[in-house]
């Protein structure tokens, strides 16, 4: 049993996905509070926009680690989400700071339901990824010479 670079990548991804799960849960809660009119959209969008760059950066970093360690399945799992993150950020509304949530349009029904749906899908993806990375890390540690 040896600690290889692939096992290191899975360990880093496991910790990073735990943070992404937290970000996704927080996003779902904030968008649901906007949907039910409990919070001010300007504050909520400011809070959500602060998490966008760290979440995108974390996800892209561990995707690059999987590419460097030649983990094909993990790379194929993460490249579509990384591409989605990049395209979403490039198509963001014009705002003064970084982020993708615009307080002036977030309360539109279509924007709110789309943001909530995307948040739930990302949460499901991160949960599935967490358990896959845990399995893959243990498998890599056990089978490495």
C-alpha atoms as a PDB file:
ATOM      1  CA  UNK A   1       0.000   0.000   0.000  1.00  0.00           C
ATOM      2  CA  UNK A   2       1.650   3.190  -1.247  1.00  0.00           C
ATOM      3  CA  UNK A   3       0.543   6.776  -1.257  1.00  0.00           C
ATOM      4  CA  UNK A   4       0.683   7.720  -4.944  1.00  0.00           C
ATOM      5  CA  UNK A   5       0.017  10.988  -6.739  1.00  0.00           C
ATOM      6  CA  UNK A   6      -3.401   9.674  -7.799  1.00  0.00           C
ATOM      7  CA  UNK A   7      -4.301   8.962  -4.156  1.00  0.00           C
ATOM      8  CA  UNK A   8      -3.143  12.474  -3.267  1.00  0.00           C
ATOM      9  CA  UNK A   9      -5.363  13.915  -6.008  1.00  0.00           C
ATOM     10  CA  UNK A  10      -8.363  11.990  -4.718  1.00  0.00           C
ATOM     11  CA  UNK A  11      -7.646  13.144  -1.177  1.00  0.00           C
ATOM     12  CA  UNK A  12      -7.441  16.788  -2.282  1.00  0.00           C
ATOM     13  CA  UNK A  13     -10.612  16.362  -4.333  1.00  0.00           C
ATOM     14  CA  UNK A  14     -12.393  14.769  -1.375  1.00  0.00           C
ATOM     15  CA  UNK A  15     -11.615  17.741   0.849  1.00  0.00           C
ATOM     16  CA  UNK A  16     -12.404  20.224  -1.931  1.00  0.00           C
ATOM     17  CA  UNK A  17     -15.747  18.594  -2.710  1.00  0.00           C
ATOM     18  CA  UNK A  18     -16.679  18.842   0.963  1.00  0.00           C
ATOM     19  CA  UNK A  19     -16.261  22.615   0.651  1.00  0.00           C
ATOM     20  CA  UNK A  20     -18.230  22.632  -2.615  1.00  0.00           C
ATOM     21  CA  UNK A  21     -21.056  20.698  -0.913  1.00  0.00           C
ATOM     22  CA  UNK A  22     -21.173  23.399   1.743  1.00  0.00           C
ATOM     23  CA  UNK A  23     -21.241  26.108  -0.945  1.00  0.00           C
ATOM     24  CA  UNK A  24     -24.047  24.318  -2.820  1.00  0.00           C
ATOM     25  CA  UNK A  25     -26.159  23.851   0.322  1.00  0.00           C
ATOM     26  CA  UNK A  26     -25.680  27.499   1.242  1.00  0.00           C
ATOM     27  CA  UNK A  27     -26.686  28.543  -2.292  1.00  0.00           C
ATOM     28  CA  UNK A  28     -29.842  26.420  -2.182  1.00  0.00           C
ATOM     29  CA  UNK A  29     -30.819  27.919   1.169  1.00  0.00           C
ATOM     30  CA  UNK A  30     -30.167  31.506   0.027  1.00  0.00           C
ATOM     31  CA  UNK A  31     -32.098  31.099  -3.215  1.00  0.00           C
ATOM     32  CA  UNK A  32     -34.981  29.479  -1.374  1.00  0.00           C
ATOM     33  CA  UNK A  33     -35.044  32.436   1.036  1.00  0.00           C
ATOM     34  CA  UNK A  34     -35.194  34.755  -1.962  1.00  0.00           C
ATOM     35  CA  UNK A  35     -38.022  32.690  -3.427  1.00  0.00           C
ATOM     36  CA  UNK A  36     -40.051  32.974  -0.228  1.00  0.00           C
ATOM     37  CA  UNK A  37     -39.238  36.692   0.184  1.00  0.00           C
ATOM     38  CA  UNK A  38     -37.461  36.356   3.531  1.00  0.00           C
ATOM     39  CA  UNK A  39     -34.280  38.212   2.578  1.00  0.00           C
ATOM     40  CA  UNK A  40     -33.184  41.314   0.754  1.00  0.00           C
ATOM     41  CA  UNK A  41     -32.028  40.394  -2.789  1.00  0.00           C
ATOM     42  CA  UNK A  42     -29.096  42.820  -2.684  1.00  0.00           C
ATOM     43  CA  UNK A  43     -27.657  41.222   0.461  1.00  0.00           C
ATOM     44  CA  UNK A  44     -28.320  37.686  -0.708  1.00  0.00           C
ATOM     45  CA  UNK A  45     -26.718  38.262  -4.107  1.00  0.00           C
ATOM     46  CA  UNK A  46     -23.693  39.868  -2.465  1.00  0.00           C
ATOM     47  CA  UNK A  47     -23.328  36.862  -0.140  1.00  0.00           C
ATOM     48  CA  UNK A  48     -23.790  34.373  -2.980  1.00  0.00           C
ATOM     49  CA  UNK A  49     -21.416  36.203  -5.309  1.00  0.00           C
ATOM     50  CA  UNK A  50     -18.640  35.961  -2.712  1.00  0.00           C
ATOM     51  CA  UNK A  51     -18.767  32.160  -3.024  1.00  0.00           C
ATOM     52  CA  UNK A  52     -18.703  31.945  -6.815  1.00  0.00           C
ATOM     53  CA  UNK A  53     -14.984  32.398  -7.482  1.00  0.00           C
ATOM     54  CA  UNK A  54     -13.847  30.089  -4.636  1.00  0.00           C
ATOM     55  CA  UNK A  55     -16.248  27.342  -5.761  1.00  0.00           C
ATOM     56  CA  UNK A  56     -15.253  27.632  -9.409  1.00  0.00           C
ATOM     57  CA  UNK A  57     -11.558  27.824  -8.533  1.00  0.00           C
ATOM     58  CA  UNK A  58     -11.679  24.785  -6.262  1.00  0.00           C
ATOM     59  CA  UNK A  59     -13.507  22.724  -8.859  1.00  0.00           C
ATOM     60  CA  UNK A  60     -11.144  23.691 -11.671  1.00  0.00           C
ATOM     61  CA  UNK A  61      -8.037  23.016  -9.529  1.00  0.00           C
ATOM     62  CA  UNK A  62      -8.990  19.472  -8.666  1.00  0.00           C
ATOM     63  CA  UNK A  63     -10.083  18.855 -12.256  1.00  0.00           C
ATOM     64  CA  UNK A  64      -6.587  19.894 -13.357  1.00  0.00           C
ATOM     65  CA  UNK A  65      -5.107  17.568 -10.727  1.00  0.00           C
ATOM     66  CA  UNK A  66      -7.085  14.690 -12.207  1.00  0.00           C
ATOM     67  CA  UNK A  67      -5.838  15.589 -15.677  1.00  0.00           C
ATOM     68  CA  UNK A  68      -2.227  15.632 -14.431  1.00  0.00           C
ATOM     69  CA  UNK A  69      -2.624  12.292 -12.650  1.00  0.00           C
ATOM     70  CA  UNK A  70      -4.309  10.681 -15.705  1.00  0.00           C
ATOM     71  CA  UNK A  71      -7.484   9.708 -13.856  1.00  0.00           C
ATOM     72  CA  UNK A  72      -9.737   9.325 -16.896  1.00  0.00           C
ATOM     73  CA  UNK A  73     -13.098   8.688 -15.191  1.00  0.00           C
ATOM     74  CA  UNK A  74     -12.692  11.515 -12.696  1.00  0.00           C
ATOM     75  CA  UNK A  75     -11.561  13.867 -15.453  1.00  0.00           C
ATOM     76  CA  UNK A  76     -14.501  12.966 -17.671  1.00  0.00           C
ATOM     77  CA  UNK A  77     -16.825  13.548 -14.717  1.00  0.00           C
ATOM     78  CA  UNK A  78     -15.435  17.005 -13.956  1.00  0.00           C
ATOM     79  CA  UNK A  79     -14.645  18.557 -17.337  1.00  0.00           C
ATOM     80  CA  UNK A  80     -18.308  19.268 -18.229  1.00  0.00           C
ATOM     81  CA  UNK A  81     -18.917  21.034 -14.907  1.00  0.00           C
ATOM     82  CA  UNK A  82     -15.674  23.000 -15.237  1.00  0.00           C
ATOM     83  CA  UNK A  83     -16.686  24.052 -18.755  1.00  0.00           C
ATOM     84  CA  UNK A  84     -20.137  25.019 -17.467  1.00  0.00           C
ATOM     85  CA  UNK A  85     -18.549  27.119 -14.712  1.00  0.00           C
ATOM     86  CA  UNK A  86     -16.290  28.904 -17.175  1.00  0.00           C
ATOM     87  CA  UNK A  87     -19.120  29.583 -19.642  1.00  0.00           C
ATOM     88  CA  UNK A  88     -21.456  30.748 -16.879  1.00  0.00           C
ATOM     89  CA  UNK A  89     -18.858  33.156 -15.581  1.00  0.00           C
ATOM     90  CA  UNK A  90     -18.088  34.487 -19.057  1.00  0.00           C
ATOM     91  CA  UNK A  91     -21.806  35.092 -19.700  1.00  0.00           C
ATOM     92  CA  UNK A  92     -22.488  36.745 -16.344  1.00  0.00           C
ATOM     93  CA  UNK A  93     -24.414  40.025 -16.204  1.00  0.00           C
ATOM     94  CA  UNK A  94     -22.471  43.265 -16.134  1.00  0.00           C
ATOM     95  CA  UNK A  95     -21.862  44.104 -12.473  1.00  0.00           C
ATOM     96  CA  UNK A  96     -19.341  46.058 -10.470  1.00  0.00           C
ATOM     97  CA  UNK A  97     -17.867  42.986  -8.746  1.00  0.00           C
ATOM     98  CA  UNK A  98     -17.273  39.326  -9.447  1.00  0.00           C
ATOM     99  CA  UNK A  99     -20.193  36.920  -9.380  1.00  0.00           C
ATOM    100  CA  UNK A 100     -23.085  35.646 -11.452  1.00  0.00           C
ATOM    101  CA  UNK A 101     -26.121  36.695  -9.420  1.00  0.00           C
ATOM    102  CA  UNK A 102     -27.568  40.089 -10.322  1.00  0.00           C
ATOM    103  CA  UNK A 103     -29.844  41.566  -7.620  1.00  0.00           C
ATOM    104  CA  UNK A 104     -31.955  43.425 -10.170  1.00  0.00           C
ATOM    105  CA  UNK A 105     -32.946  40.306 -12.119  1.00  0.00           C
ATOM    106  CA  UNK A 106     -32.704  37.507  -9.535  1.00  0.00           C
ATOM    107  CA  UNK A 107     -36.329  37.914  -8.455  1.00  0.00           C
ATOM    108  CA  UNK A 108     -37.620  37.146 -11.956  1.00  0.00           C
ATOM    109  CA  UNK A 109     -39.432  33.823 -11.772  1.00  0.00           C
ATOM    110  CA  UNK A 110     -37.367  32.236 -14.552  1.00  0.00           C
ATOM    111  CA  UNK A 111     -34.047  33.401 -13.104  1.00  0.00           C
ATOM    112  CA  UNK A 112     -34.947  32.194  -9.624  1.00  0.00           C
ATOM    113  CA  UNK A 113     -36.171  28.764 -10.703  1.00  0.00           C
ATOM    114  CA  UNK A 114     -33.166  28.289 -12.977  1.00  0.00           C
ATOM    115  CA  UNK A 115     -30.753  29.266 -10.205  1.00  0.00           C
ATOM    116  CA  UNK A 116     -32.481  26.930  -7.754  1.00  0.00           C
ATOM    117  CA  UNK A 117     -32.473  24.039 -10.238  1.00  0.00           C
ATOM    118  CA  UNK A 118     -28.790  24.540 -11.039  1.00  0.00           C
ATOM    119  CA  UNK A 119     -27.955  24.661  -7.341  1.00  0.00           C
ATOM    120  CA  UNK A 120     -29.763  21.372  -6.662  1.00  0.00           C
ATOM    121  CA  UNK A 121     -28.075  19.697  -9.646  1.00  0.00           C
ATOM    122  CA  UNK A 122     -24.647  20.879  -8.492  1.00  0.00           C
ATOM    123  CA  UNK A 123     -25.371  19.651  -4.963  1.00  0.00           C
ATOM    124  CA  UNK A 124     -26.316  16.213  -6.308  1.00  0.00           C
ATOM    125  CA  UNK A 125     -23.193  16.154  -8.484  1.00  0.00           C
ATOM    126  CA  UNK A 126     -20.941  17.075  -5.570  1.00  0.00           C
ATOM    127  CA  UNK A 127     -22.514  14.425  -3.324  1.00  0.00           C
ATOM    128  CA  UNK A 128     -22.060  11.707  -5.940  1.00  0.00           C
ATOM    129  CA  UNK A 129     -18.519  12.928  -6.564  1.00  0.00           C
ATOM    130  CA  UNK A 130     -17.706  12.828  -2.851  1.00  0.00           C
ATOM    131  CA  UNK A 131     -18.574   9.158  -2.555  1.00  0.00           C
ATOM    132  CA  UNK A 132     -16.862   8.290  -5.843  1.00  0.00           C
ATOM    133  CA  UNK A 133     -13.654  10.051  -4.747  1.00  0.00           C
ATOM    134  CA  UNK A 134     -13.768   8.291  -1.403  1.00  0.00           C
ATOM    135  CA  UNK A 135     -14.119   4.921  -3.132  1.00  0.00           C
ATOM    136  CA  UNK A 136     -11.460   5.743  -5.732  1.00  0.00           C
ATOM    137  CA  UNK A 137      -8.994   6.941  -3.091  1.00  0.00           C
ATOM    138  CA  UNK A 138      -9.392   3.754  -1.066  1.00  0.00           C
ATOM    139  CA  UNK A 139      -9.176   1.614  -4.212  1.00  0.00           C
ATOM    140  CA  UNK A 140      -6.038   3.442  -5.339  1.00  0.00           C
ATOM    141  CA  UNK A 141      -4.406   3.048  -1.929  1.00  0.00           C
ATOM    142  CA  UNK A 142      -5.199  -0.661  -1.717  1.00  0.00           C
ATOM    143  CA  UNK A 143      -4.219  -1.617  -5.270  1.00  0.00           C
ATOM    144  CA  UNK A 144      -1.045   0.454  -5.632  1.00  0.00           C
ATOM    145  CA  UNK A 145       2.167  -1.581  -5.298  1.00  0.00           C
END
